[in-house]
């Protein structure tokens, strides 16, 4: 099994899945997650709300999430 740098919890029935099918499922999940775990997709789906304005600029969002904690009155809002 390939070692991806992520933790996944996959629940399955042992009588249905064999090792090859399980490996295939993990690889498919990895491909899906790689496509959505990038800054571009994150910035498209979030807005940064500050005390005085709302912005969807990628540079501002990436700068805000680069810190360990958000500044006071800074909020990330999911557009969904």
Protein backbone atom coordinates (compact mmCIF):
# COMPACT_ATOMS: atom_id res chain seq x y z
CA UNK A 1 0.00 0.00 0.00
CA UNK A 2 1.37 3.43 -0.91
CA UNK A 3 2.10 5.73 1.98
CA UNK A 4 0.23 8.99 1.49
CA UNK A 5 0.92 11.81 3.91
CA UNK A 6 -2.61 11.86 5.34
CA UNK A 7 -4.79 10.06 7.83
CA UNK A 8 -7.89 8.39 6.44
CA UNK A 9 -10.44 6.36 8.30
CA UNK A 10 -12.01 3.89 5.91
CA UNK A 11 -14.74 1.61 7.20
CA UNK A 12 -15.44 -1.50 5.19
CA UNK A 13 -16.76 -5.03 5.54
CA UNK A 14 -14.01 -7.63 5.46
CA UNK A 15 -16.02 -10.12 3.45
CA UNK A 16 -16.65 -7.60 0.65
CA UNK A 17 -13.21 -6.00 0.29
CA UNK A 18 -9.94 -7.72 -0.47
CA UNK A 19 -6.52 -6.04 -0.32
CA UNK A 20 -6.48 -5.01 -4.00
CA UNK A 21 -9.94 -3.44 -3.88
CA UNK A 22 -9.06 -1.62 -0.67
CA UNK A 23 -5.87 -0.26 -2.26
CA UNK A 24 -7.87 0.92 -5.26
CA UNK A 25 -10.38 2.71 -3.01
CA UNK A 26 -7.59 4.49 -1.10
CA UNK A 27 -5.95 5.62 -4.35
CA UNK A 28 -9.27 6.96 -5.65
CA UNK A 29 -9.90 8.84 -2.40
CA UNK A 30 -6.39 10.28 -2.58
CA UNK A 31 -6.97 11.53 -6.15
CA UNK A 32 -10.23 13.20 -5.10
CA UNK A 33 -8.67 14.86 -2.07
CA UNK A 34 -5.61 16.13 -3.96
CA UNK A 35 -7.91 17.93 -6.36
CA UNK A 36 -9.75 19.84 -3.63
CA UNK A 37 -6.96 20.42 -1.09
CA UNK A 38 -5.26 23.38 -2.72
CA UNK A 39 -5.30 27.10 -1.96
CA UNK A 40 -7.09 27.95 -5.19
CA UNK A 41 -10.13 25.82 -4.38
CA UNK A 42 -10.10 26.90 -0.73
CA UNK A 43 -10.07 30.57 -1.71
CA UNK A 44 -12.92 30.09 -4.18
CA UNK A 45 -15.11 28.56 -1.49
CA UNK A 46 -14.35 30.99 1.37
CA UNK A 47 -14.62 34.69 2.11
CA UNK A 48 -12.63 36.66 4.65
CA UNK A 49 -14.85 38.83 6.80
CA UNK A 50 -13.11 41.58 8.72
CA UNK A 51 -14.55 44.24 10.92
CA UNK A 52 -15.14 46.65 8.05
CA UNK A 53 -15.23 44.62 4.85
CA UNK A 54 -15.78 41.28 3.16
CA UNK A 55 -13.21 40.11 0.65
CA UNK A 56 -12.79 37.12 -1.61
CA UNK A 57 -9.26 38.02 -2.71
CA UNK A 58 -7.07 34.94 -2.62
CA UNK A 59 -3.99 36.80 -1.38
CA UNK A 60 -5.82 38.12 1.70
CA UNK A 61 -7.36 34.75 2.50
CA UNK A 62 -4.05 32.88 2.19
CA UNK A 63 -2.33 35.50 4.36
CA UNK A 64 -5.04 35.15 7.02
CA UNK A 65 -4.92 31.34 7.15
CA UNK A 66 -1.12 31.36 7.21
CA UNK A 67 -1.23 32.50 10.82
CA UNK A 68 -1.83 30.07 13.67
CA UNK A 69 -4.91 31.98 14.82
CA UNK A 70 -7.01 34.59 13.10
CA UNK A 71 -6.84 38.17 14.31
CA UNK A 72 -9.74 39.45 16.40
CA UNK A 73 -12.83 40.20 14.30
CA UNK A 74 -11.49 38.20 11.34
CA UNK A 75 -13.72 35.35 10.22
CA UNK A 76 -13.53 32.80 7.41
CA UNK A 77 -16.98 32.17 6.00
CA UNK A 78 -17.73 29.25 3.71
CA UNK A 79 -19.74 30.35 0.68
CA UNK A 80 -21.67 27.08 0.58
